[in-house]
């Protein structure tokens, strides 16, 4: 839900820091793609 909310206000050069405990690989397979798909911005390039 947080990542959905972030995707609505994230802009170029934003930084997202995840401090919650999540299963291994979730950042790569779920959370980064969630923002990329909703914003069309690429992690590592745009944010």
ModelCIF file with pLDDT and N, C-alpha, C, O atoms, coordinates in Angstrom:
data_MODEL
#
_entry.id   MODEL 
#
_entity.id                         1 
_entity.type                       polymer 
_entity.pdbx_number_of_molecules   1 
#
_entity_poly.entity_id                      1 
_entity_poly.type                           'polypeptide(L)' 
_entity_poly.nstd_linkage                   no 
_entity_poly.nstd_monomer                   no 
_entity_poly.pdbx_seq_one_letter_code       
;(UNK)(UNK)(UNK)(UNK)(UNK)(UNK)(UNK)(UNK)(UNK)(UNK)(UNK)(UNK)(UNK)(UNK)(UNK)(UNK)
(UNK)(UNK)(UNK)(UNK)(UNK)(UNK)(UNK)(UNK)(UNK)(UNK)(UNK)(UNK)(UNK)(UNK)(UNK)(UNK)
(UNK)(UNK)(UNK)(UNK)(UNK)(UNK)(UNK)(UNK)(UNK)(UNK)(UNK)(UNK)(UNK)(UNK)(UNK)
;
_entity_poly.pdbx_seq_one_letter_code_can   XXXXXXXXXXXXXXXXXXXXXXXXXXXXXXXXXXXXXXXXXXXXXXX 
_entity_poly.pdbx_strand_id                 A 
#
loop_
_entity_poly_seq.entity_id 
_entity_poly_seq.num 
_entity_poly_seq.mon_id 
_entity_poly_seq.hetero 
1 1  UNK n 
1 2  UNK n 
1 3  UNK n 
1 4  UNK n 
1 5  UNK n 
1 6  UNK n 
1 7  UNK n 
1 8  UNK n 
1 9  UNK n 
1 10 UNK n 
1 11 UNK n 
1 12 UNK n 
1 13 UNK n 
1 14 UNK n 
1 15 UNK n 
1 16 UNK n 
1 17 UNK n 
1 18 UNK n 
1 19 UNK n 
1 20 UNK n 
1 21 UNK n 
1 22 UNK n 
1 23 UNK n 
1 24 UNK n 
1 25 UNK n 
1 26 UNK n 
1 27 UNK n 
1 28 UNK n 
1 29 UNK n 
1 30 UNK n 
1 31 UNK n 
1 32 UNK n 
1 33 UNK n 
1 34 UNK n 
1 35 UNK n 
1 36 UNK n 
1 37 UNK n 
1 38 UNK n 
1 39 UNK n 
1 40 UNK n 
1 41 UNK n 
1 42 UNK n 
1 43 UNK n 
1 44 UNK n 
1 45 UNK n 
1 46 UNK n 
1 47 UNK n 
#
_struct_asym.id          A 
_struct_asym.entity_id   1 
#
loop_
_ma_qa_metric.id 
_ma_qa_metric.mode 
_ma_qa_metric.name 
_ma_qa_metric.software_group_id 
_ma_qa_metric.type 
1 global pLDDT . pLDDT 
2 local  pLDDT . pLDDT 
#
_ma_qa_metric_global.metric_id      1 
_ma_qa_metric_global.metric_value   95.09 
_ma_qa_metric_global.model_id       1 
_ma_qa_metric_global.ordinal_id     1 
#
loop_
_ma_qa_metric_local.label_asym_id 
_ma_qa_metric_local.label_comp_id 
_ma_qa_metric_local.label_seq_id 
_ma_qa_metric_local.metric_id 
_ma_qa_metric_local.metric_value 
_ma_qa_metric_local.model_id 
_ma_qa_metric_local.ordinal_id 
A UNK 1  2 96.00 1 1  
A UNK 2  2 96.00 1 2  
A UNK 3  2 97.00 1 3  
A UNK 4  2 97.00 1 4  
A UNK 5  2 96.00 1 5  
A UNK 6  2 97.00 1 6  
A UNK 7  2 96.00 1 7  
A UNK 8  2 95.00 1 8  
A UNK 9  2 95.00 1 9  
A UNK 10 2 95.00 1 10 
A UNK 11 2 94.00 1 11 
A UNK 12 2 95.00 1 12 
A UNK 13 2 95.00 1 13 
A UNK 14 2 95.00 1 14 
A UNK 15 2 96.00 1 15 
A UNK 16 2 97.00 1 16 
A UNK 17 2 96.00 1 17 
A UNK 18 2 96.00 1 18 
A UNK 19 2 92.00 1 19 
A UNK 20 2 90.00 1 20 
A UNK 21 2 85.00 1 21 
A UNK 22 2 88.00 1 22 
A UNK 23 2 86.00 1 23 
A UNK 24 2 89.00 1 24 
A UNK 25 2 92.00 1 25 
A UNK 26 2 93.00 1 26 
A UNK 27 2 94.00 1 27 
A UNK 28 2 95.00 1 28 
A UNK 29 2 94.00 1 29 
A UNK 30 2 95.00 1 30 
A UNK 31 2 97.00 1 31 
A UNK 32 2 97.00 1 32 
A UNK 33 2 97.00 1 33 
A UNK 34 2 97.00 1 34 
A UNK 35 2 97.00 1 35 
A UNK 36 2 98.00 1 36 
A UNK 37 2 97.00 1 37 
A UNK 38 2 97.00 1 38 
A UNK 39 2 96.00 1 39 
A UNK 40 2 96.00 1 40 
A UNK 41 2 97.00 1 41 
A UNK 42 2 98.00 1 42 
A UNK 43 2 98.00 1 43 
A UNK 44 2 97.00 1 44 
A UNK 45 2 98.00 1 45 
A UNK 46 2 98.00 1 46 
A UNK 47 2 97.00 1 47 
#
loop_
_atom_site.group_PDB 
_atom_site.id 
_atom_site.type_symbol 
_atom_site.label_atom_id 
_atom_site.label_alt_id 
_atom_site.label_comp_id 
_atom_site.label_asym_id 
_atom_site.label_entity_id 
_atom_site.label_seq_id 
_atom_site.pdbx_PDB_ins_code 
_atom_site.Cartn_x 
_atom_site.Cartn_y 
_atom_site.Cartn_z 
_atom_site.occupancy 
_atom_site.B_iso_or_equiv 
_atom_site.pdbx_formal_charge 
_atom_site.auth_seq_id 
_atom_site.auth_comp_id 
_atom_site.auth_asym_id 
_atom_site.auth_atom_id 
_atom_site.pdbx_PDB_model_num 
ATOM 1   N N  . UNK A 1 1  ? 0.838  -1.201  0.000   1.00 96.00 ? 1  UNK A N  1 
ATOM 2   C CA . UNK A 1 1  ? 0.000  0.000   0.000   1.00 96.00 ? 1  UNK A CA 1 
ATOM 3   C C  . UNK A 1 1  ? 0.875  1.253   0.000   1.00 96.00 ? 1  UNK A C  1 
ATOM 4   O O  . UNK A 1 1  ? 0.577  2.214   -0.710  1.00 96.00 ? 1  UNK A O  1 
ATOM 5   N N  . UNK A 1 2  ? 1.949  1.253   0.788   1.00 96.00 ? 2  UNK A N  1 
ATOM 6   C CA . UNK A 1 2  ? 2.864  2.395   0.797   1.00 96.00 ? 2  UNK A CA 1 
ATOM 7   C C  . UNK A 1 2  ? 3.479  2.630   -0.572  1.00 96.00 ? 2  UNK A C  1 
ATOM 8   O O  . UNK A 1 2  ? 3.559  3.767   -1.038  1.00 96.00 ? 2  UNK A O  1 
ATOM 9   N N  . UNK A 1 3  ? 3.913  1.556   -1.214  1.00 97.00 ? 3  UNK A N  1 
ATOM 10  C CA . UNK A 1 3  ? 4.528  1.702   -2.537  1.00 97.00 ? 3  UNK A CA 1 
ATOM 11  C C  . UNK A 1 3  ? 3.509  2.208   -3.562  1.00 97.00 ? 3  UNK A C  1 
ATOM 12  O O  . UNK A 1 3  ? 3.863  2.977   -4.455  1.00 97.00 ? 3  UNK A O  1 
ATOM 13  N N  . UNK A 1 4  ? 2.253  1.786   -3.441  1.00 97.00 ? 4  UNK A N  1 
ATOM 14  C CA . UNK A 1 4  ? 1.196  2.329   -4.298  1.00 97.00 ? 4  UNK A CA 1 
ATOM 15  C C  . UNK A 1 4  ? 1.048  3.826   -4.069  1.00 97.00 ? 4  UNK A C  1 
ATOM 16  O O  . UNK A 1 4  ? 0.951  4.598   -5.023  1.00 97.00 ? 4  UNK A O  1 
ATOM 17  N N  . UNK A 1 5  ? 1.031  4.239   -2.799  1.00 96.00 ? 5  UNK A N  1 
ATOM 18  C CA . UNK A 1 5  ? 0.919  5.664   -2.476  1.00 96.00 ? 5  UNK A CA 1 
ATOM 19  C C  . UNK A 1 5  ? 2.127  6.442   -2.990  1.00 96.00 ? 5  UNK A C  1 
ATOM 20  O O  . UNK A 1 5  ? 1.980  7.533   -3.542  1.00 96.00 ? 5  UNK A O  1 
ATOM 21  N N  . UNK A 1 6  ? 3.308  5.885   -2.809  1.00 97.00 ? 6  UNK A N  1 
ATOM 22  C CA . UNK A 1 6  ? 4.529  6.545   -3.271  1.00 97.00 ? 6  UNK A CA 1 
ATOM 23  C C  . UNK A 1 6  ? 4.495  6.724   -4.789  1.00 97.00 ? 6  UNK A C  1 
ATOM 24  O O  . UNK A 1 6  ? 4.902  7.766   -5.302  1.00 97.00 ? 6  UNK A O  1 
ATOM 25  N N  . UNK A 1 7  ? 4.014  5.715   -5.503  1.00 96.00 ? 7  UNK A N  1 
ATOM 26  C CA . UNK A 1 7  ? 3.992  5.793   -6.971  1.00 96.00 ? 7  UNK A CA 1 
ATOM 27  C C  . UNK A 1 7  ? 3.153  6.961   -7.479  1.00 96.00 ? 7  UNK A C  1 
ATOM 28  O O  . UNK A 1 7  ? 3.355  7.427   -8.600  1.00 96.00 ? 7  UNK A O  1 
ATOM 29  N N  . UNK A 1 8  ? 2.214  7.437   -6.663  1.00 95.00 ? 8  UNK A N  1 
ATOM 30  C CA . UNK A 1 8  ? 1.352  8.556   -7.077  1.00 95.00 ? 8  UNK A CA 1 
ATOM 31  C C  . UNK A 1 8  ? 2.039  9.913   -6.942  1.00 95.00 ? 8  UNK A C  1 
ATOM 32  O O  . UNK A 1 8  ? 1.607  10.888  -7.557  1.00 95.00 ? 8  UNK A O  1 
ATOM 33  N N  . UNK A 1 9  ? 3.112  9.986   -6.139  1.00 95.00 ? 9  UNK A N  1 
ATOM 34  C CA . UNK A 1 9  ? 3.766  11.282  -5.921  1.00 95.00 ? 9  UNK A CA 1 
ATOM 35  C C  . UNK A 1 9  ? 5.277  11.254  -6.205  1.00 95.00 ? 9  UNK A C  1 
ATOM 36  O O  . UNK A 1 9  ? 5.947  12.280  -6.087  1.00 95.00 ? 9  UNK A O  1 
ATOM 37  N N  . UNK A 1 10 ? 5.805  10.100  -6.574  1.00 95.00 ? 10 UNK A N  1 
ATOM 38  C CA . UNK A 1 10 ? 7.229  9.964   -6.875  1.00 95.00 ? 10 UNK A CA 1 
ATOM 39  C C  . UNK A 1 10 ? 7.573  10.760  -8.133  1.00 95.00 ? 10 UNK A C  1 
ATOM 40  O O  . UNK A 1 10 ? 6.825  10.749  -9.111  1.00 95.00 ? 10 UNK A O  1 
ATOM 41  N N  . UNK A 1 11 ? 8.709  11.446  -8.094  1.00 94.00 ? 11 UNK A N  1 
ATOM 42  C CA . UNK A 1 11 ? 9.171  12.219  -9.242  1.00 94.00 ? 11 UNK A CA 1 
ATOM 43  C C  . UNK A 1 11 ? 10.617 11.843  -9.558  1.00 94.00 ? 11 UNK A C  1 
ATOM 44  O O  . UNK A 1 11 ? 11.248 11.078  -8.829  1.00 94.00 ? 11 UNK A O  1 
ATOM 45  N N  . UNK A 1 12 ? 11.121 12.390  -10.645 1.00 95.00 ? 12 UNK A N  1 
ATOM 46  C CA . UNK A 1 12 ? 12.507 12.148  -11.061 1.00 95.00 ? 12 UNK A CA 1 
ATOM 47  C C  . UNK A 1 12 ? 13.448 12.460  -9.895  1.00 95.00 ? 12 UNK A C  1 
ATOM 48  O O  . UNK A 1 12 ? 13.266 13.443  -9.176  1.00 95.00 ? 12 UNK A O  1 
ATOM 49  N N  . UNK A 1 13 ? 14.454 11.604  -9.726  1.00 95.00 ? 13 UNK A N  1 
ATOM 50  C CA . UNK A 1 13 ? 15.496 11.725  -8.697  1.00 95.00 ? 13 UNK A CA 1 
ATOM 51  C C  . UNK A 1 13 ? 15.009 11.508  -7.270  1.00 95.00 ? 13 UNK A C  1 
ATOM 52  O O  . UNK A 1 13 ? 15.701 11.874  -6.320  1.00 95.00 ? 13 UNK A O  1 
ATOM 53  N N  . UNK A 1 14 ? 13.829 10.918  -7.106  1.00 95.00 ? 14 UNK A N  1 
ATOM 54  C CA . UNK A 1 14 ? 13.356 10.559  -5.768  1.00 95.00 ? 14 UNK A CA 1 
ATOM 55  C C  . UNK A 1 14 ? 14.142 9.365   -5.252  1.00 95.00 ? 14 UNK A C  1 
ATOM 56  O O  . UNK A 1 14 ? 14.739 8.608   -6.018  1.00 95.00 ? 14 UNK A O  1 
ATOM 57  N N  . UNK A 1 15 ? 14.125 9.219   -3.935  1.00 96.00 ? 15 UNK A N  1 
ATOM 58  C CA . UNK A 1 15 ? 14.773 8.098   -3.260  1.00 96.00 ? 15 UNK A CA 1 
ATOM 59  C C  . UNK A 1 15 ? 13.731 7.394   -2.406  1.00 96.00 ? 15 UNK A C  1 
ATOM 60  O O  . UNK A 1 15 ? 13.045 8.030   -1.605  1.00 96.00 ? 15 UNK A O  1 
ATOM 61  N N  . UNK A 1 16 ? 13.611 6.075   -2.575  1.00 97.00 ? 16 UNK A N  1 
ATOM 62  C CA . UNK A 1 16 ? 12.726 5.253   -1.764  1.00 97.00 ? 16 UNK A CA 1 
ATOM 63  C C  . UNK A 1 16 ? 13.604 4.350   -0.909  1.00 97.00 ? 16 UNK A C  1 
ATOM 64  O O  . UNK A 1 16 ? 14.438 3.607   -1.425  1.00 97.00 ? 16 UNK A O  1 
ATOM 65  N N  . UNK A 1 17 ? 13.408 4.423   0.405   1.00 96.00 ? 17 UNK A N  1 
ATOM 66  C CA . UNK A 1 17 ? 14.169 3.597   1.340   1.00 96.00 ? 17 UNK A CA 1 
ATOM 67  C C  . UNK A 1 17 ? 13.188 2.657   2.032   1.00 96.00 ? 17 UNK A C  1 
ATOM 68  O O  . UNK A 1 17 ? 12.218 3.104   2.645   1.00 96.00 ? 17 UNK A O  1 
ATOM 69  N N  . UNK A 1 18 ? 13.439 1.372   1.934   1.00 96.00 ? 18 UNK A N  1 
ATOM 70  C CA . UNK A 1 18 ? 12.592 0.369   2.573   1.00 96.00 ? 18 UNK A CA 1 
ATOM 71  C C  . UNK A 1 18 ? 13.302 -0.161  3.806   1.00 96.00 ? 18 UNK A C  1 
ATOM 72  O O  . UNK A 1 18 ? 14.371 -0.763  3.704   1.00 96.00 ? 18 UNK A O  1 
ATOM 73  N N  . UNK A 1 19 ? 12.700 0.063   4.985   1.00 92.00 ? 19 UNK A N  1 
ATOM 74  C CA . UNK A 1 19 ? 13.280 -0.398  6.252   1.00 92.00 ? 19 UNK A CA 1 
ATOM 75  C C  . UNK A 1 19 ? 12.462 -1.531  6.861   1.00 92.00 ? 19 UNK A C  1 
ATOM 76  O O  . UNK A 1 19 ? 12.874 -2.124  7.857   1.00 92.00 ? 19 UNK A O  1 
ATOM 77  N N  . UNK A 1 20 ? 11.312 -1.836  6.274   1.00 90.00 ? 20 UNK A N  1 
ATOM 78  C CA . UNK A 1 20 ? 10.472 -2.925  6.775   1.00 90.00 ? 20 UNK A CA 1 
ATOM 79  C C  . UNK A 1 20 ? 11.109 -4.270  6.432   1.00 90.00 ? 20 UNK A C  1 
ATOM 80  O O  . UNK A 1 20 ? 11.812 -4.402  5.430   1.00 90.00 ? 20 UNK A O  1 
ATOM 81  N N  . UNK A 1 21 ? 10.851 -5.256  7.275   1.00 85.00 ? 21 UNK A N  1 
ATOM 82  C CA . UNK A 1 21 ? 11.365 -6.610  7.032   1.00 85.00 ? 21 UNK A CA 1 
ATOM 83  C C  . UNK A 1 21 ? 10.465 -7.297  6.009   1.00 85.00 ? 21 UNK A C  1 
ATOM 84  O O  . UNK A 1 21 ? 9.258  -7.424  6.212   1.00 85.00 ? 21 UNK A O  1 
ATOM 85  N N  . UNK A 1 22 ? 11.071 -7.736  4.910   1.00 88.00 ? 22 UNK A N  1 
ATOM 86  C CA . UNK A 1 22 ? 10.311 -8.378  3.831   1.00 88.00 ? 22 UNK A CA 1 
ATOM 87  C C  . UNK A 1 22 ? 11.023 -9.650  3.389   1.00 88.00 ? 22 UNK A C  1 
ATOM 88  O O  . UNK A 1 22 ? 12.212 -9.812  3.663   1.00 88.00 ? 22 UNK A O  1 
ATOM 89  N N  . UNK A 1 23 ? 10.315 -10.565 2.705   1.00 86.00 ? 23 UNK A N  1 
ATOM 90  C CA . UNK A 1 23 ? 10.966 -11.771 2.200   1.00 86.00 ? 23 UNK A CA 1 
ATOM 91  C C  . UNK A 1 23 ? 12.087 -11.439 1.199   1.00 86.00 ? 23 UNK A C  1 
ATOM 92  O O  . UNK A 1 23 ? 11.998 -10.461 0.456   1.00 86.00 ? 23 UNK A O  1 
ATOM 93  N N  . UNK A 1 24 ? 13.118 -12.254 1.194   1.00 89.00 ? 24 UNK A N  1 
ATOM 94  C CA . UNK A 1 24 ? 14.245 -12.078 0.280   1.00 89.00 ? 24 UNK A CA 1 
ATOM 95  C C  . UNK A 1 24 ? 13.740 -12.007 -1.164  1.00 89.00 ? 24 UNK A C  1 
ATOM 96  O O  . UNK A 1 24 ? 12.926 -12.828 -1.586  1.00 89.00 ? 24 UNK A O  1 
ATOM 97  N N  . UNK A 1 25 ? 14.220 -11.044 -1.894  1.00 92.00 ? 25 UNK A N  1 
ATOM 98  C CA . UNK A 1 25 ? 13.875 -10.890 -3.310  1.00 92.00 ? 25 UNK A CA 1 
ATOM 99  C C  . UNK A 1 25 ? 12.642 -10.044 -3.574  1.00 92.00 ? 25 UNK A C  1 
ATOM 100 O O  . UNK A 1 25 ? 12.366 -9.715  -4.727  1.00 92.00 ? 25 UNK A O  1 
ATOM 101 N N  . UNK A 1 26 ? 11.889 -9.680  -2.538  1.00 93.00 ? 26 UNK A N  1 
ATOM 102 C CA . UNK A 1 26 ? 10.646 -8.922  -2.740  1.00 93.00 ? 26 UNK A CA 1 
ATOM 103 C C  . UNK A 1 26 ? 10.884 -7.546  -3.350  1.00 93.00 ? 26 UNK A C  1 
ATOM 104 O O  . UNK A 1 26 ? 10.075 -7.076  -4.150  1.00 93.00 ? 26 UNK A O  1 
ATOM 105 N N  . UNK A 1 27 ? 11.973 -6.904  -2.983  1.00 94.00 ? 27 UNK A N  1 
ATOM 106 C CA . UNK A 1 27 ? 12.271 -5.590  -3.570  1.00 94.00 ? 27 UNK A CA 1 
ATOM 107 C C  . UNK A 1 27 ? 12.376 -5.709  -5.081  1.00 94.00 ? 27 UNK A C  1 
ATOM 108 O O  . UNK A 1 27 ? 11.773 -4.939  -5.828  1.00 94.00 ? 27 UNK A O  1 
ATOM 109 N N  . UNK A 1 28 ? 13.147 -6.680  -5.508  1.00 95.00 ? 28 UNK A N  1 
ATOM 110 C CA . UNK A 1 28 ? 13.439 -6.870  -6.924  1.00 95.00 ? 28 UNK A CA 1 
ATOM 111 C C  . UNK A 1 28 ? 12.226 -7.386  -7.710  1.00 95.00 ? 28 UNK A C  1 
ATOM 112 O O  . UNK A 1 28 ? 12.004 -6.980  -8.851  1.00 95.00 ? 28 UNK A O  1 
ATOM 113 N N  . UNK A 1 29 ? 11.443 -8.284  -7.093  1.00 94.00 ? 29 UNK A N  1 
ATOM 114 C CA . UNK A 1 29 ? 10.352 -8.922  -7.836  1.00 94.00 ? 29 UNK A CA 1 
ATOM 115 C C  . UNK A 1 29 ? 8.996  -8.245  -7.673  1.00 94.00 ? 29 UNK A C  1 
ATOM 116 O O  . UNK A 1 29 ? 8.117  -8.416  -8.518  1.00 94.00 ? 29 UNK A O  1 
ATOM 117 N N  . UNK A 1 30 ? 8.813  -7.481  -6.600  1.00 95.00 ? 30 UNK A N  1 
ATOM 118 C CA . UNK A 1 30 ? 7.494  -6.909  -6.349  1.00 95.00 ? 30 UNK A CA 1 
ATOM 119 C C  . UNK A 1 30 ? 7.483  -5.390  -6.236  1.00 95.00 ? 30 UNK A C  1 
ATOM 120 O O  . UNK A 1 30 ? 6.740  -4.724  -6.957  1.00 95.00 ? 30 UNK A O  1 
ATOM 121 N N  . UNK A 1 31 ? 8.289  -4.838  -5.350  1.00 97.00 ? 31 UNK A N  1 
ATOM 122 C CA . UNK A 1 31 ? 8.143  -3.421  -5.003  1.00 97.00 ? 31 UNK A CA 1 
ATOM 123 C C  . UNK A 1 31 ? 8.747  -2.474  -6.035  1.00 97.00 ? 31 UNK A C  1 
ATOM 124 O O  . UNK A 1 31 ? 8.116  -1.477  -6.386  1.00 97.00 ? 31 UNK A O  1 
ATOM 125 N N  . UNK A 1 32 ? 9.930  -2.752  -6.521  1.00 97.00 ? 32 UNK A N  1 
ATOM 126 C CA . UNK A 1 32 ? 10.505 -1.897  -7.576  1.00 97.00 ? 32 UNK A CA 1 
ATOM 127 C C  . UNK A 1 32 ? 9.641  -1.965  -8.840  1.00 97.00 ? 32 UNK A C  1 
ATOM 128 O O  . UNK A 1 32 ? 9.316  -0.921  -9.406  1.00 97.00 ? 32 UNK A O  1 
ATOM 129 N N  . UNK A 1 33 ? 9.257  -3.177  -9.301  1.00 97.00 ? 33 UNK A N  1 
ATOM 130 C CA . UNK A 1 33 ? 8.387  -3.235  -10.486 1.00 97.00 ? 33 UNK A CA 1 
ATOM 131 C C  . UNK A 1 33 ? 7.033  -2.542  -10.279 1.00 97.00 ? 33 UNK A C  1 
ATOM 132 O O  . UNK A 1 33 ? 6.471  -2.001  -11.232 1.00 97.00 ? 33 UNK A O  1 
ATOM 133 N N  . UNK A 1 34 ? 6.510  -2.551  -9.070  1.00 97.00 ? 34 UNK A N  1 
ATOM 134 C CA . UNK A 1 34 ? 5.240  -1.886  -8.801  1.00 97.00 ? 34 UNK A CA 1 
ATOM 135 C C  . UNK A 1 34 ? 5.341  -0.401  -9.139  1.00 97.00 ? 34 UNK A C  1 
ATOM 136 O O  . UNK A 1 34 ? 4.486  0.143   -9.838  1.00 97.00 ? 34 UNK A O  1 
ATOM 137 N N  . UNK A 1 35 ? 6.386  0.249   -8.639  1.00 97.00 ? 35 UNK A N  1 
ATOM 138 C CA . UNK A 1 35 ? 6.561  1.683   -8.930  1.00 97.00 ? 35 UNK A CA 1 
ATOM 139 C C  . UNK A 1 35 ? 6.886  1.896   -10.405 1.00 97.00 ? 35 UNK A C  1 
ATOM 140 O O  . UNK A 1 35 ? 6.347  2.812   -11.026 1.00 97.00 ? 35 UNK A O  1 
ATOM 141 N N  . UNK A 1 36 ? 7.751  1.071   -10.973 1.00 98.00 ? 36 UNK A N  1 
ATOM 142 C CA . UNK A 1 36 ? 8.106  1.235   -12.386 1.00 98.00 ? 36 UNK A CA 1 
ATOM 143 C C  . UNK A 1 36 ? 6.882  1.105   -13.289 1.00 98.00 ? 36 UNK A C  1 
ATOM 144 O O  . UNK A 1 36 ? 6.725  1.883   -14.230 1.00 98.00 ? 36 UNK A O  1 
ATOM 145 N N  . UNK A 1 37 ? 6.023  0.139   -13.014 1.00 97.00 ? 37 UNK A N  1 
ATOM 146 C CA . UNK A 1 37 ? 4.832  -0.064  -13.849 1.00 97.00 ? 37 UNK A CA 1 
ATOM 147 C C  . UNK A 1 37 ? 3.832  1.067   -13.724 1.00 97.00 ? 37 UNK A C  1 
ATOM 148 O O  . UNK A 1 37 ? 3.179  1.421   -14.705 1.00 97.00 ? 37 UNK A O  1 
ATOM 149 N N  . UNK A 1 38 ? 3.699  1.638   -12.546 1.00 97.00 ? 38 UNK A N  1 
ATOM 150 C CA . UNK A 1 38 ? 2.718  2.712   -12.338 1.00 97.00 ? 38 UNK A CA 1 
ATOM 151 C C  . UNK A 1 38 ? 3.226  4.078   -12.803 1.00 97.00 ? 38 UNK A C  1 
ATOM 152 O O  . UNK A 1 38 ? 2.432  4.936   -13.189 1.00 97.00 ? 38 UNK A O  1 
ATOM 153 N N  . UNK A 1 39 ? 4.542  4.281   -12.768 1.00 96.00 ? 39 UNK A N  1 
ATOM 154 C CA . UNK A 1 39 ? 5.094  5.606   -13.103 1.00 96.00 ? 39 UNK A CA 1 
ATOM 155 C C  . UNK A 1 39 ? 5.790  5.651   -14.453 1.00 96.00 ? 39 UNK A C  1 
ATOM 156 O O  . UNK A 1 39 ? 5.962  6.723   -15.034 1.00 96.00 ? 39 UNK A O  1 
ATOM 157 N N  . UNK A 1 40 ? 6.186  4.499   -14.948 1.00 96.00 ? 40 UNK A N  1 
ATOM 158 C CA . UNK A 1 40 ? 7.005  4.397   -16.171 1.00 96.00 ? 40 UNK A CA 1 
ATOM 159 C C  . UNK A 1 40 ? 8.405  4.959   -15.969 1.00 96.00 ? 40 UNK A C  1 
ATOM 160 O O  . UNK A 1 40 ? 9.132  5.180   -16.937 1.00 96.00 ? 40 UNK A O  1 
ATOM 161 N N  . UNK A 1 41 ? 8.787  5.191   -14.715 1.00 97.00 ? 41 UNK A N  1 
ATOM 162 C CA . UNK A 1 41 ? 10.133 5.650   -14.383 1.00 97.00 ? 41 UNK A CA 1 
ATOM 163 C C  . UNK A 1 41 ? 10.971 4.436   -13.997 1.00 97.00 ? 41 UNK A C  1 
ATOM 164 O O  . UNK A 1 41 ? 10.478 3.536   -13.317 1.00 97.00 ? 41 UNK A O  1 
ATOM 165 N N  . UNK A 1 42 ? 12.230 4.401   -14.424 1.00 98.00 ? 42 UNK A N  1 
ATOM 166 C CA . UNK A 1 42 ? 13.107 3.255   -14.182 1.00 98.00 ? 42 UNK A CA 1 
ATOM 167 C C  . UNK A 1 42 ? 13.961 3.468   -12.940 1.00 98.00 ? 42 UNK A C  1 
ATOM 168 O O  . UNK A 1 42 ? 14.599 4.506   -12.763 1.00 98.00 ? 42 UNK A O  1 
ATOM 169 N N  . UNK A 1 43 ? 13.950 2.453   -12.092 1.00 98.00 ? 43 UNK A N  1 
ATOM 170 C CA . UNK A 1 43 ? 14.781 2.462   -10.894 1.00 98.00 ? 43 UNK A CA 1 
ATOM 171 C C  . UNK A 1 43 ? 16.255 2.434   -11.302 1.00 98.00 ? 43 UNK A C  1 
ATOM 172 O O  . UNK A 1 43 ? 16.649 1.663   -12.177 1.00 98.00 ? 43 UNK A O  1 
ATOM 173 N N  . UNK A 1 44 ? 17.056 3.272   -10.669 1.00 97.00 ? 44 UNK A N  1 
ATOM 174 C CA . UNK A 1 44 ? 18.482 3.344   -10.986 1.00 97.00 ? 44 UNK A CA 1 
ATOM 175 C C  . UNK A 1 44 ? 18.796 4.396   -12.033 1.00 97.00 ? 44 UNK A C  1 
ATOM 176 O O  . UNK A 1 44 ? 19.934 4.854   -12.136 1.00 97.00 ? 44 UNK A O  1 
ATOM 177 N N  . UNK A 1 45 ? 17.801 4.777   -12.805 1.00 98.00 ? 45 UNK A N  1 
ATOM 178 C CA . UNK A 1 45 ? 17.968 5.843   -13.803 1.00 98.00 ? 45 UNK A CA 1 
ATOM 179 C C  . UNK A 1 45 ? 17.182 7.085   -13.408 1.00 98.00 ? 45 UNK A C  1 
ATOM 180 O O  . UNK A 1 45 ? 17.733 8.181   -13.305 1.00 98.00 ? 45 UNK A O  1 
ATOM 181 N N  . UNK A 1 46 ? 15.883 6.894   -13.189 1.00 98.00 ? 46 UNK A N  1 
ATOM 182 C CA . UNK A 1 46 ? 14.989 8.014   -12.907 1.00 98.00 ? 46 UNK A CA 1 
ATOM 183 C C  . UNK A 1 46 ? 14.749 8.232   -11.415 1.00 98.00 ? 46 UNK A C  1 
ATOM 184 O O  . UNK A 1 46 ? 14.511 9.357   -10.976 1.00 98.00 ? 46 UNK A O  1 
ATOM 185 N N  . UNK A 1 47 ? 14.812 7.164   -10.650 1.00 97.00 ? 47 UNK A N  1 
ATOM 186 C CA . UNK A 1 47 ? 14.625 7.222   -9.201  1.00 97.00 ? 47 UNK A CA 1 
ATOM 187 C C  . UNK A 1 47 ? 15.503 6.151   -8.571  1.00 97.00 ? 47 UNK A C  1 
ATOM 188 O O  . UNK A 1 47 ? 15.516 6.004   -7.349  1.00 97.00 ? 47 UNK A O  1 
#
